[in-house]
Amino acid sequence: MEFDLPVTGEKVKPQQITALHLFSGLAFVGAGAIIAVYNYEIPRWGGALLVAGLALLALTMFRNRWVVRKPVNRALRIVELAISLAIAALSFVEQWKFPSGIFSVLSAAILFSLYWERDAGQQLYVHIDETGVRLPVTSRRRFIGWAEIEQVLLRYGVLSVDCIDNKLYQTDVAGSTVDEAQFDEWCKAQVQAHIDKRRNDNW
């Protein structure tokens, strides 16, 4: 048998998306202001960067629901990445160590966010089968084999996985149609079937 239990929560929270947009906007405003005031060779580029940062901050603060929409967010992330990489490259060429470090880290963060946010808004599940329990990506641990489990219970919308090392993993389940009694009995049978596979140092 297999069970897919939908859980509450999201892989990517809207406030996480918003926070990186705000950080990018502040970084662009700071870098743009410094370039516009202190760099006499490219002051117009500094001004343009300052305007871009202010525009990003304004959009994020006043049109946040629109900004966090998947297509809009992805487009903004690509623009932010291009700007960050350009500033990091300029800083490296000019040997500006501090801005080079800041925008290299920001570029890496934006690049990671493009990967991480691609599944934003999708329903998360706990998958349980004959091999063990697979928790969602937001959990501190992803897979627990039956040989490590003492008990699995589904009660009042909460899935509890009690391990033999006294660690307890709990997840809020949203709208599950699973028969709790049948589920608990099946999990007990799996635990019993894997007792002989437990490591001796776990007893």
N, C-alpha and C. Protein backbone atom coordinates (compact mmCIF):
# COMPACT_ATOMS: atom_id res chain seq x y z
N MET A 1 0.83 -1.21 0.00
CA MET A 1 0.00 0.00 0.00
C MET A 1 0.87 1.25 0.00
N GLU A 2 0.26 2.34 -0.45
CA GLU A 2 0.92 3.64 -0.45
C GLU A 2 -0.06 4.70 0.01
N PHE A 3 0.45 5.67 0.73
CA PHE A 3 -0.37 6.78 1.20
C PHE A 3 0.31 8.09 0.85
N ASP A 4 -0.45 9.03 0.31
CA ASP A 4 0.02 10.39 0.07
C ASP A 4 -0.85 11.33 0.89
N LEU A 5 -0.28 11.86 1.95
CA LEU A 5 -1.03 12.73 2.86
C LEU A 5 -0.68 14.19 2.57
N PRO A 6 -1.66 15.00 2.13
CA PRO A 6 -1.39 16.42 1.88
C PRO A 6 -1.13 17.15 3.19
N VAL A 7 -0.13 17.99 3.21
CA VAL A 7 0.23 18.70 4.44
C VAL A 7 0.00 20.19 4.28
N THR A 8 -0.18 20.86 5.40
CA THR A 8 -0.34 22.31 5.37
C THR A 8 1.03 22.96 5.16
N GLY A 9 1.00 24.20 4.71
CA GLY A 9 2.24 24.92 4.49
C GLY A 9 2.67 24.86 3.04
N GLU A 10 3.64 25.69 2.71
CA GLU A 10 4.14 25.80 1.35
C GLU A 10 5.65 25.63 1.35
N LYS A 11 6.16 25.18 0.21
CA LYS A 11 7.61 25.05 0.06
C LYS A 11 8.28 26.42 0.13
N VAL A 12 7.66 27.39 -0.53
CA VAL A 12 8.19 28.75 -0.55
C VAL A 12 7.10 29.68 -0.03
N LYS A 13 7.38 30.41 1.04
CA LYS A 13 6.42 31.34 1.61
C LYS A 13 6.52 32.69 0.88
N PRO A 14 5.37 33.37 0.70
CA PRO A 14 5.40 34.67 0.01
C PRO A 14 6.35 35.67 0.65
N GLN A 15 6.46 35.65 1.98
CA GLN A 15 7.35 36.61 2.64
C GLN A 15 8.83 36.35 2.32
N GLN A 16 9.16 35.08 2.01
CA GLN A 16 10.53 34.78 1.61
C GLN A 16 10.84 35.38 0.23
N ILE A 17 9.87 35.28 -0.67
CA ILE A 17 10.02 35.88 -2.00
C ILE A 17 10.17 37.39 -1.87
N THR A 18 9.31 37.99 -1.05
CA THR A 18 9.33 39.43 -0.86
C THR A 18 10.65 39.90 -0.26
N ALA A 19 11.16 39.16 0.71
CA ALA A 19 12.39 39.58 1.40
C ALA A 19 13.57 39.70 0.44
N LEU A 20 13.71 38.74 -0.48
CA LEU A 20 14.85 38.79 -1.41
C LEU A 20 14.68 39.93 -2.41
N HIS A 21 13.44 40.21 -2.83
CA HIS A 21 13.21 41.36 -3.71
C HIS A 21 13.59 42.66 -3.00
N LEU A 22 13.22 42.79 -1.74
CA LEU A 22 13.56 43.99 -0.97
C LEU A 22 15.06 44.12 -0.79
N PHE A 23 15.72 43.01 -0.49
CA PHE A 23 17.17 43.04 -0.31
C PHE A 23 17.86 43.46 -1.61
N SER A 24 17.39 42.90 -2.74
CA SER A 24 17.97 43.26 -4.03
C SER A 24 17.76 44.75 -4.32
N GLY A 25 16.55 45.24 -4.04
CA GLY A 25 16.27 46.65 -4.27
C GLY A 25 17.15 47.56 -3.44
N LEU A 26 17.33 47.21 -2.17
CA LEU A 26 18.20 48.02 -1.30
C LEU A 26 19.64 47.99 -1.76
N ALA A 27 20.11 46.83 -2.21
CA ALA A 27 21.48 46.71 -2.70
C ALA A 27 21.68 47.57 -3.95
N PHE A 28 20.68 47.55 -4.84
CA PHE A 28 20.78 48.37 -6.07
C PHE A 28 20.76 49.86 -5.75
N VAL A 29 19.91 50.25 -4.81
CA VAL A 29 19.83 51.66 -4.41
C VAL A 29 21.16 52.12 -3.82
N GLY A 30 21.72 51.32 -2.91
CA GLY A 30 22.99 51.68 -2.29
C GLY A 30 24.12 51.78 -3.30
N ALA A 31 24.24 50.76 -4.16
CA ALA A 31 25.31 50.76 -5.15
C ALA A 31 25.11 51.88 -6.16
N GLY A 32 23.86 52.10 -6.58
CA GLY A 32 23.59 53.16 -7.55
C GLY A 32 23.91 54.54 -7.00
N ALA A 33 23.56 54.79 -5.75
CA ALA A 33 23.84 56.09 -5.13
C ALA A 33 25.33 56.33 -5.03
N ILE A 34 26.08 55.31 -4.63
CA ILE A 34 27.54 55.46 -4.48
C ILE A 34 28.19 55.71 -5.83
N ILE A 35 27.77 54.95 -6.85
CA ILE A 35 28.35 55.13 -8.19
C ILE A 35 28.01 56.51 -8.75
N ALA A 36 26.75 56.93 -8.57
CA ALA A 36 26.32 58.23 -9.12
C ALA A 36 27.06 59.40 -8.47
N VAL A 37 27.38 59.28 -7.20
CA VAL A 37 28.00 60.39 -6.48
C VAL A 37 29.52 60.37 -6.58
N TYR A 38 30.13 59.18 -6.47
CA TYR A 38 31.58 59.11 -6.34
C TYR A 38 32.32 58.65 -7.59
N ASN A 39 31.63 58.07 -8.55
CA ASN A 39 32.31 57.60 -9.76
C ASN A 39 32.02 58.59 -10.89
N TYR A 40 33.07 59.29 -11.34
CA TYR A 40 32.89 60.33 -12.35
C TYR A 40 32.90 59.77 -13.77
N GLU A 41 33.19 58.50 -13.92
CA GLU A 41 33.24 57.91 -15.25
C GLU A 41 31.88 57.38 -15.70
N ILE A 42 31.11 56.82 -14.78
CA ILE A 42 29.81 56.23 -15.16
C ILE A 42 28.68 56.70 -14.22
N PRO A 43 28.55 58.02 -14.01
CA PRO A 43 27.50 58.49 -13.09
C PRO A 43 26.09 58.17 -13.59
N ARG A 44 25.91 58.18 -14.92
CA ARG A 44 24.57 57.90 -15.45
C ARG A 44 24.16 56.45 -15.18
N TRP A 45 25.13 55.53 -15.25
CA TRP A 45 24.82 54.13 -14.92
C TRP A 45 24.45 54.00 -13.45
N GLY A 46 25.14 54.79 -12.62
CA GLY A 46 24.79 54.79 -11.21
C GLY A 46 23.38 55.31 -10.99
N GLY A 47 23.01 56.37 -11.69
CA GLY A 47 21.67 56.91 -11.58
C GLY A 47 20.61 55.92 -12.05
N ALA A 48 20.93 55.22 -13.17
CA ALA A 48 19.98 54.22 -13.68
C ALA A 48 19.80 53.08 -12.69
N LEU A 49 20.90 52.67 -12.06
CA LEU A 49 20.82 51.60 -11.06
C LEU A 49 20.02 52.05 -9.85
N LEU A 50 20.21 53.30 -9.45
CA LEU A 50 19.46 53.86 -8.33
C LEU A 50 17.95 53.86 -8.63
N VAL A 51 17.59 54.29 -9.83
CA VAL A 51 16.18 54.31 -10.24
C VAL A 51 15.61 52.89 -10.27
N ALA A 52 16.40 51.94 -10.81
CA ALA A 52 15.94 50.55 -10.87
C ALA A 52 15.71 49.99 -9.48
N GLY A 53 16.60 50.31 -8.55
CA GLY A 53 16.43 49.84 -7.17
C GLY A 53 15.20 50.43 -6.51
N LEU A 54 14.98 51.74 -6.73
CA LEU A 54 13.79 52.39 -6.15
C LEU A 54 12.51 51.81 -6.76
N ALA A 55 12.55 51.54 -8.07
CA ALA A 55 11.37 50.97 -8.73
C ALA A 55 11.07 49.58 -8.17
N LEU A 56 12.11 48.78 -7.97
CA LEU A 56 11.93 47.44 -7.42
C LEU A 56 11.37 47.50 -6.00
N LEU A 57 11.88 48.42 -5.20
CA LEU A 57 11.37 48.58 -3.83
C LEU A 57 9.90 49.01 -3.85
N ALA A 58 9.57 49.95 -4.72
CA ALA A 58 8.18 50.43 -4.80
C ALA A 58 7.23 49.32 -5.24
N LEU A 59 7.64 48.56 -6.26
CA LEU A 59 6.80 47.45 -6.72
C LEU A 59 6.59 46.42 -5.61
N THR A 60 7.67 46.09 -4.91
CA THR A 60 7.60 45.06 -3.87
C THR A 60 6.72 45.50 -2.71
N MET A 61 6.79 46.79 -2.36
CA MET A 61 6.03 47.26 -1.21
C MET A 61 4.57 47.57 -1.54
N PHE A 62 4.32 48.10 -2.74
CA PHE A 62 2.96 48.56 -3.04
C PHE A 62 2.19 47.65 -3.99
N ARG A 63 2.89 46.74 -4.67
CA ARG A 63 2.21 45.80 -5.58
C ARG A 63 2.68 44.38 -5.28
N ASN A 64 2.74 44.06 -3.99
CA ASN A 64 3.36 42.81 -3.58
C ASN A 64 2.62 41.58 -4.10
N ARG A 65 1.30 41.60 -4.11
CA ARG A 65 0.54 40.45 -4.59
C ARG A 65 0.84 40.17 -6.07
N TRP A 66 1.03 41.22 -6.82
CA TRP A 66 1.38 41.07 -8.23
C TRP A 66 2.81 40.56 -8.39
N VAL A 67 3.71 41.08 -7.56
CA VAL A 67 5.12 40.71 -7.65
C VAL A 67 5.36 39.24 -7.35
N VAL A 68 4.63 38.69 -6.36
CA VAL A 68 4.87 37.29 -5.96
C VAL A 68 4.21 36.28 -6.88
N ARG A 69 3.43 36.74 -7.86
CA ARG A 69 2.88 35.81 -8.85
C ARG A 69 4.02 35.16 -9.62
N LYS A 70 3.88 33.89 -9.92
CA LYS A 70 4.99 33.09 -10.44
C LYS A 70 5.64 33.68 -11.70
N PRO A 71 4.88 34.03 -12.76
CA PRO A 71 5.54 34.55 -13.96
C PRO A 71 6.23 35.89 -13.72
N VAL A 72 5.57 36.77 -12.94
CA VAL A 72 6.15 38.09 -12.65
C VAL A 72 7.40 37.94 -11.79
N ASN A 73 7.30 37.11 -10.76
CA ASN A 73 8.44 36.89 -9.88
C ASN A 73 9.64 36.35 -10.64
N ARG A 74 9.40 35.40 -11.53
CA ARG A 74 10.51 34.81 -12.30
C ARG A 74 11.17 35.86 -13.21
N ALA A 75 10.35 36.68 -13.86
CA ALA A 75 10.89 37.73 -14.73
C ALA A 75 11.74 38.72 -13.94
N LEU A 76 11.24 39.12 -12.76
CA LEU A 76 12.00 40.04 -11.91
C LEU A 76 13.30 39.40 -11.42
N ARG A 77 13.25 38.13 -11.09
CA ARG A 77 14.46 37.44 -10.63
C ARG A 77 15.53 37.44 -11.74
N ILE A 78 15.12 37.21 -12.97
CA ILE A 78 16.08 37.19 -14.09
C ILE A 78 16.71 38.57 -14.27
N VAL A 79 15.90 39.62 -14.18
CA VAL A 79 16.41 41.00 -14.28
C VAL A 79 17.38 41.29 -13.12
N GLU A 80 16.97 40.89 -11.90
CA GLU A 80 17.84 41.11 -10.74
C GLU A 80 19.16 40.37 -10.89
N LEU A 81 19.10 39.15 -11.41
CA LEU A 81 20.32 38.37 -11.59
C LEU A 81 21.25 39.03 -12.60
N ALA A 82 20.68 39.52 -13.69
CA ALA A 82 21.50 40.18 -14.72
C ALA A 82 22.18 41.43 -14.16
N ILE A 83 21.43 42.22 -13.39
CA ILE A 83 22.00 43.44 -12.80
C ILE A 83 23.07 43.08 -11.78
N SER A 84 22.79 42.11 -10.92
CA SER A 84 23.75 41.71 -9.88
C SER A 84 25.04 41.18 -10.48
N LEU A 85 24.92 40.36 -11.52
CA LEU A 85 26.11 39.82 -12.18
C LEU A 85 26.92 40.94 -12.83
N ALA A 86 26.23 41.91 -13.43
CA ALA A 86 26.93 43.03 -14.07
C ALA A 86 27.71 43.85 -13.04
N ILE A 87 27.07 44.13 -11.90
CA ILE A 87 27.75 44.91 -10.84
C ILE A 87 28.90 44.10 -10.26
N ALA A 88 28.71 42.80 -10.06
CA ALA A 88 29.78 41.96 -9.53
C ALA A 88 30.96 41.93 -10.49
N ALA A 89 30.69 41.84 -11.79
CA ALA A 89 31.76 41.83 -12.79
C ALA A 89 32.51 43.16 -12.80
N LEU A 90 31.75 44.28 -12.77
CA LEU A 90 32.38 45.61 -12.74
C LEU A 90 33.23 45.77 -11.48
N SER A 91 32.72 45.34 -10.36
CA SER A 91 33.45 45.45 -9.10
C SER A 91 34.73 44.63 -9.13
N PHE A 92 34.65 43.46 -9.75
CA PHE A 92 35.83 42.61 -9.86
C PHE A 92 36.89 43.26 -10.74
N VAL A 93 36.46 43.82 -11.86
CA VAL A 93 37.40 44.48 -12.78
C VAL A 93 38.04 45.70 -12.12
N GLU A 94 37.23 46.47 -11.41
CA GLU A 94 37.73 47.69 -10.75
C GLU A 94 38.40 47.39 -9.41
N GLN A 95 38.39 46.11 -9.00
CA GLN A 95 38.99 45.67 -7.74
C GLN A 95 38.34 46.33 -6.52
N TRP A 96 37.00 46.45 -6.60
CA TRP A 96 36.24 46.90 -5.44
C TRP A 96 35.86 45.66 -4.64
N LYS A 97 36.60 45.37 -3.62
CA LYS A 97 36.45 44.09 -2.93
C LYS A 97 35.09 43.96 -2.23
N PHE A 98 34.67 44.99 -1.52
CA PHE A 98 33.43 44.89 -0.76
C PHE A 98 32.21 44.72 -1.67
N PRO A 99 32.03 45.59 -2.67
CA PRO A 99 30.88 45.39 -3.59
C PRO A 99 30.98 44.08 -4.35
N SER A 100 32.18 43.66 -4.70
CA SER A 100 32.36 42.40 -5.41
C SER A 100 31.83 41.23 -4.59
N GLY A 101 32.14 41.22 -3.30
CA GLY A 101 31.66 40.16 -2.43
C GLY A 101 30.16 40.19 -2.25
N ILE A 102 29.61 41.41 -2.02
CA ILE A 102 28.17 41.54 -1.79
C ILE A 102 27.38 41.07 -3.00
N PHE A 103 27.73 41.53 -4.18
CA PHE A 103 26.94 41.20 -5.36
C PHE A 103 27.21 39.79 -5.89
N SER A 104 28.34 39.22 -5.55
CA SER A 104 28.56 37.81 -5.87
C SER A 104 27.64 36.93 -5.03
N VAL A 105 27.53 37.26 -3.75
CA VAL A 105 26.63 36.51 -2.86
C VAL A 105 25.18 36.72 -3.27
N LEU A 106 24.81 37.96 -3.61
CA LEU A 106 23.45 38.26 -4.04
C LEU A 106 23.11 37.51 -5.32
N SER A 107 24.05 37.45 -6.25
CA SER A 107 23.83 36.71 -7.50
C SER A 107 23.60 35.23 -7.23
N ALA A 108 24.40 34.67 -6.32
CA ALA A 108 24.23 33.26 -5.96
C ALA A 108 22.87 33.02 -5.31
N ALA A 109 22.43 33.95 -4.44
CA ALA A 109 21.14 33.82 -3.78
C ALA A 109 19.99 33.89 -4.79
N ILE A 110 20.08 34.79 -5.74
CA ILE A 110 19.03 34.92 -6.76
C ILE A 110 19.00 33.70 -7.65
N LEU A 111 20.19 33.21 -8.01
CA LEU A 111 20.27 32.01 -8.85
C LEU A 111 19.63 30.82 -8.13
N PHE A 112 19.91 30.67 -6.84
CA PHE A 112 19.30 29.59 -6.06
C PHE A 112 17.78 29.77 -5.97
N SER A 113 17.34 31.01 -5.81
CA SER A 113 15.90 31.27 -5.69
C SER A 113 15.17 30.90 -6.98
N LEU A 114 15.80 31.09 -8.13
CA LEU A 114 15.18 30.69 -9.40
C LEU A 114 14.91 29.19 -9.42
N TYR A 115 15.84 28.42 -8.84
CA TYR A 115 15.66 26.97 -8.75
C TYR A 115 14.62 26.60 -7.69
N TRP A 116 14.73 27.22 -6.51
CA TRP A 116 13.88 26.85 -5.38
C TRP A 116 12.43 27.26 -5.58
N GLU A 117 12.22 28.41 -6.22
CA GLU A 117 10.87 28.95 -6.34
C GLU A 117 10.09 28.39 -7.52
N ARG A 118 10.70 27.52 -8.30
CA ARG A 118 10.00 26.98 -9.48
C ARG A 118 8.79 26.13 -9.07
N ASP A 119 8.81 25.57 -7.84
CA ASP A 119 7.69 24.75 -7.36
C ASP A 119 6.81 25.50 -6.36
N ALA A 120 6.94 26.83 -6.33
CA ALA A 120 6.16 27.62 -5.37
C ALA A 120 4.67 27.43 -5.62
N GLY A 121 3.91 27.26 -4.55
CA GLY A 121 2.47 27.13 -4.65
C GLY A 121 1.98 25.70 -4.81
N GLN A 122 2.88 24.75 -5.04
CA GLN A 122 2.46 23.36 -5.21
C GLN A 122 2.17 22.71 -3.85
N GLN A 123 1.18 21.79 -3.87
CA GLN A 123 0.82 21.07 -2.65
C GLN A 123 1.95 20.14 -2.22
N LEU A 124 2.26 20.15 -0.93
CA LEU A 124 3.28 19.26 -0.38
C LEU A 124 2.61 18.02 0.21
N TYR A 125 3.31 16.89 0.14
CA TYR A 125 2.76 15.62 0.61
C TYR A 125 3.78 14.88 1.47
N VAL A 126 3.24 14.04 2.38
CA VAL A 126 4.03 13.01 3.04
C VAL A 126 3.69 11.71 2.32
N HIS A 127 4.72 11.05 1.78
CA HIS A 127 4.51 9.79 1.06
C HIS A 127 4.96 8.64 1.95
N ILE A 128 4.06 7.67 2.15
CA ILE A 128 4.35 6.52 3.01
C ILE A 128 4.10 5.25 2.22
N ASP A 129 5.11 4.38 2.17
CA ASP A 129 4.96 3.10 1.47
C ASP A 129 5.76 2.03 2.22
N GLU A 130 6.01 0.90 1.56
CA GLU A 130 6.69 -0.22 2.22
C GLU A 130 8.15 0.07 2.57
N THR A 131 8.73 1.12 1.98
CA THR A 131 10.13 1.43 2.26
C THR A 131 10.28 2.35 3.47
N GLY A 132 9.27 3.18 3.74
CA GLY A 132 9.35 4.10 4.86
C GLY A 132 8.51 5.33 4.66
N VAL A 133 8.88 6.40 5.35
CA VAL A 133 8.14 7.67 5.35
C VAL A 133 8.99 8.75 4.70
N ARG A 134 8.44 9.35 3.64
CA ARG A 134 9.12 10.47 2.97
C ARG A 134 8.41 11.77 3.34
N LEU A 135 9.10 12.59 4.10
CA LEU A 135 8.54 13.87 4.56
C LEU A 135 8.75 14.94 3.48
N PRO A 136 7.98 16.03 3.51
CA PRO A 136 8.14 17.08 2.50
C PRO A 136 9.48 17.80 2.63
N VAL A 137 9.83 18.57 1.60
CA VAL A 137 11.14 19.22 1.54
C VAL A 137 11.34 20.25 2.64
N THR A 138 10.26 20.70 3.26
CA THR A 138 10.38 21.69 4.33
C THR A 138 10.77 21.06 5.67
N SER A 139 10.77 19.74 5.76
CA SER A 139 11.12 19.06 7.01
C SER A 139 12.63 18.98 7.18
N ARG A 140 13.05 18.88 8.44
CA ARG A 140 14.48 18.82 8.71
C ARG A 140 15.09 17.48 8.31
N ARG A 141 14.24 16.49 8.07
CA ARG A 141 14.69 15.20 7.59
C ARG A 141 13.73 14.72 6.51
N ARG A 142 14.24 14.16 5.42
CA ARG A 142 13.39 13.82 4.28
C ARG A 142 12.87 12.39 4.30
N PHE A 143 13.71 11.41 4.68
CA PHE A 143 13.29 10.01 4.61
C PHE A 143 13.60 9.29 5.91
N ILE A 144 12.63 8.48 6.37
CA ILE A 144 12.81 7.66 7.57
C ILE A 144 12.38 6.25 7.21
N GLY A 145 13.32 5.29 7.30
CA GLY A 145 13.01 3.90 7.01
C GLY A 145 12.24 3.25 8.16
N TRP A 146 11.50 2.20 7.85
CA TRP A 146 10.70 1.53 8.87
C TRP A 146 11.55 0.96 10.00
N ALA A 147 12.78 0.59 9.71
CA ALA A 147 13.65 0.03 10.74
C ALA A 147 14.01 1.06 11.81
N GLU A 148 13.81 2.35 11.50
CA GLU A 148 14.12 3.42 12.45
C GLU A 148 12.89 3.90 13.21
N ILE A 149 11.72 3.36 12.87
CA ILE A 149 10.47 3.89 13.40
C ILE A 149 9.90 2.99 14.50
N GLU A 150 9.45 3.63 15.56
CA GLU A 150 8.79 2.93 16.66
C GLU A 150 7.27 2.92 16.48
N GLN A 151 6.74 4.05 16.00
CA GLN A 151 5.29 4.15 15.86
C GLN A 151 4.94 5.30 14.92
N VAL A 152 3.87 5.10 14.13
CA VAL A 152 3.33 6.15 13.26
C VAL A 152 1.84 6.28 13.57
N LEU A 153 1.42 7.51 13.89
CA LEU A 153 0.01 7.75 14.24
C LEU A 153 -0.53 8.93 13.45
N LEU A 154 -1.79 8.82 13.05
CA LEU A 154 -2.51 9.93 12.41
C LEU A 154 -3.72 10.24 13.27
N ARG A 155 -3.66 11.35 14.01
CA ARG A 155 -4.73 11.71 14.92
C ARG A 155 -5.03 13.21 14.81
N TYR A 156 -6.33 13.53 14.66
CA TYR A 156 -6.79 14.90 14.69
C TYR A 156 -6.02 15.81 13.72
N GLY A 157 -5.72 15.27 12.54
CA GLY A 157 -5.04 16.07 11.52
C GLY A 157 -3.55 16.24 11.73
N VAL A 158 -2.96 15.45 12.61
CA VAL A 158 -1.51 15.53 12.86
C VAL A 158 -0.89 14.15 12.65
N LEU A 159 0.12 14.09 11.77
CA LEU A 159 0.87 12.85 11.57
C LEU A 159 2.09 12.87 12.47
N SER A 160 2.22 11.83 13.31
CA SER A 160 3.36 11.74 14.23
C SER A 160 4.19 10.51 13.88
N VAL A 161 5.49 10.71 13.72
CA VAL A 161 6.42 9.63 13.45
C VAL A 161 7.41 9.57 14.61
N ASP A 162 7.24 8.55 15.45
CA ASP A 162 8.08 8.38 16.64
C ASP A 162 9.19 7.40 16.31
N CYS A 163 10.44 7.85 16.40
CA CYS A 163 11.58 7.01 16.02
C CYS A 163 12.18 6.31 17.24
N ILE A 164 12.95 5.25 16.98
CA ILE A 164 13.53 4.47 18.07
C ILE A 164 14.64 5.21 18.79
N ASP A 165 15.15 6.31 18.19
CA ASP A 165 16.18 7.12 18.86
C ASP A 165 15.55 8.28 19.65
N ASN A 166 14.23 8.17 19.92
CA ASN A 166 13.47 9.14 20.70
C ASN A 166 13.23 10.47 19.98
N LYS A 167 13.46 10.52 18.68
CA LYS A 167 13.14 11.72 17.91
C LYS A 167 11.70 11.61 17.42
N LEU A 168 11.00 12.73 17.47
CA LEU A 168 9.60 12.77 17.07
C LEU A 168 9.43 13.78 15.95
N TYR A 169 8.82 13.33 14.85
CA TYR A 169 8.55 14.21 13.71
C TYR A 169 7.03 14.34 13.57
N GLN A 170 6.54 15.57 13.58
CA GLN A 170 5.11 15.81 13.46
C GLN A 170 4.82 16.77 12.31
N THR A 171 3.75 16.46 11.57
CA THR A 171 3.36 17.26 10.42
C THR A 171 1.85 17.43 10.43
N ASP A 172 1.39 18.64 10.18
CA ASP A 172 -0.05 18.91 10.08
C ASP A 172 -0.55 18.43 8.72
N VAL A 173 -1.56 17.59 8.75
CA VAL A 173 -2.15 17.03 7.53
C VAL A 173 -3.42 17.80 7.20
N ALA A 174 -3.56 18.18 5.92
CA ALA A 174 -4.70 19.00 5.50
C ALA A 174 -5.65 18.19 4.62
N GLY A 175 -6.88 17.99 5.09
CA GLY A 175 -7.93 17.39 4.27
C GLY A 175 -7.67 15.97 3.81
N SER A 176 -7.09 15.14 4.64
CA SER A 176 -6.84 13.75 4.25
C SER A 176 -8.11 12.92 4.35
N THR A 177 -8.31 12.02 3.39
CA THR A 177 -9.47 11.12 3.40
C THR A 177 -9.08 9.71 3.84
N VAL A 178 -7.87 9.57 4.36
CA VAL A 178 -7.38 8.26 4.78
C VAL A 178 -8.13 7.79 6.03
N ASP A 179 -8.51 6.52 6.06
CA ASP A 179 -9.11 5.93 7.25
C ASP A 179 -8.02 5.78 8.31
N GLU A 180 -8.14 6.51 9.41
CA GLU A 180 -7.07 6.57 10.42
C GLU A 180 -6.81 5.21 11.05
N ALA A 181 -7.85 4.47 11.36
CA ALA A 181 -7.68 3.17 12.00
C ALA A 181 -6.96 2.20 11.07
N GLN A 182 -7.37 2.15 9.82
CA GLN A 182 -6.72 1.27 8.84
C GLN A 182 -5.27 1.70 8.63
N PHE A 183 -5.05 3.01 8.55
CA PHE A 183 -3.70 3.53 8.36
C PHE A 183 -2.80 3.15 9.53
N ASP A 184 -3.29 3.32 10.77
CA ASP A 184 -2.48 3.00 11.95
C ASP A 184 -2.13 1.51 12.00
N GLU A 185 -3.09 0.66 11.67
CA GLU A 185 -2.85 -0.79 11.68
C GLU A 185 -1.81 -1.17 10.63
N TRP A 186 -1.91 -0.57 9.46
CA TRP A 186 -0.94 -0.89 8.40
C TRP A 186 0.46 -0.44 8.81
N CYS A 187 0.56 0.73 9.44
CA CYS A 187 1.86 1.23 9.90
C CYS A 187 2.44 0.34 10.99
N LYS A 188 1.57 -0.16 11.91
CA LYS A 188 2.04 -1.08 12.96
C LYS A 188 2.61 -2.35 12.33
N ALA A 189 1.93 -2.84 11.29
CA ALA A 189 2.40 -4.06 10.62
C ALA A 189 3.76 -3.83 9.97
N GLN A 190 3.98 -2.63 9.39
CA GLN A 190 5.26 -2.32 8.77
C GLN A 190 6.38 -2.23 9.80
N VAL A 191 6.06 -1.63 10.95
CA VAL A 191 7.05 -1.52 12.03
C VAL A 191 7.45 -2.92 12.51
N GLN A 192 6.46 -3.79 12.73
CA GLN A 192 6.74 -5.15 13.18
C GLN A 192 7.56 -5.93 12.15
N ALA A 193 7.27 -5.71 10.88
CA ALA A 193 7.96 -6.45 9.82
C ALA A 193 9.42 -6.04 9.68
N HIS A 194 9.79 -4.87 10.21
CA HIS A 194 11.16 -4.38 10.05
C HIS A 194 11.94 -4.35 11.37
N ILE A 195 11.39 -4.93 12.43
CA ILE A 195 12.10 -4.92 13.72
C ILE A 195 13.44 -5.63 13.61
N ASP A 196 13.48 -6.76 12.90
CA ASP A 196 14.73 -7.51 12.81
C ASP A 196 15.79 -6.81 11.97
N LYS A 197 15.43 -5.71 11.29
CA LYS A 197 16.39 -4.97 10.47
C LYS A 197 16.99 -3.78 11.20
N ARG A 198 16.58 -3.59 12.45
CA ARG A 198 17.12 -2.48 13.23
C ARG A 198 18.58 -2.73 13.58
N ARG A 199 19.34 -1.65 13.63
CA ARG A 199 20.74 -1.76 14.04
C ARG A 199 20.81 -2.11 15.52
N ASN A 200 21.79 -2.93 15.89
CA ASN A 200 21.91 -3.35 17.28
C ASN A 200 22.16 -2.22 18.25
N ASP A 201 22.85 -1.15 17.76
CA ASP A 201 23.17 -0.04 18.67
C ASP A 201 21.98 0.88 18.87
N ASN A 202 20.85 0.58 18.23
CA ASN A 202 19.64 1.39 18.44
C ASN A 202 18.73 0.80 19.52
N TRP A 203 19.05 -0.39 20.00
CA TRP A 203 18.21 -1.00 21.01
C TRP A 203 18.48 -0.36 22.36
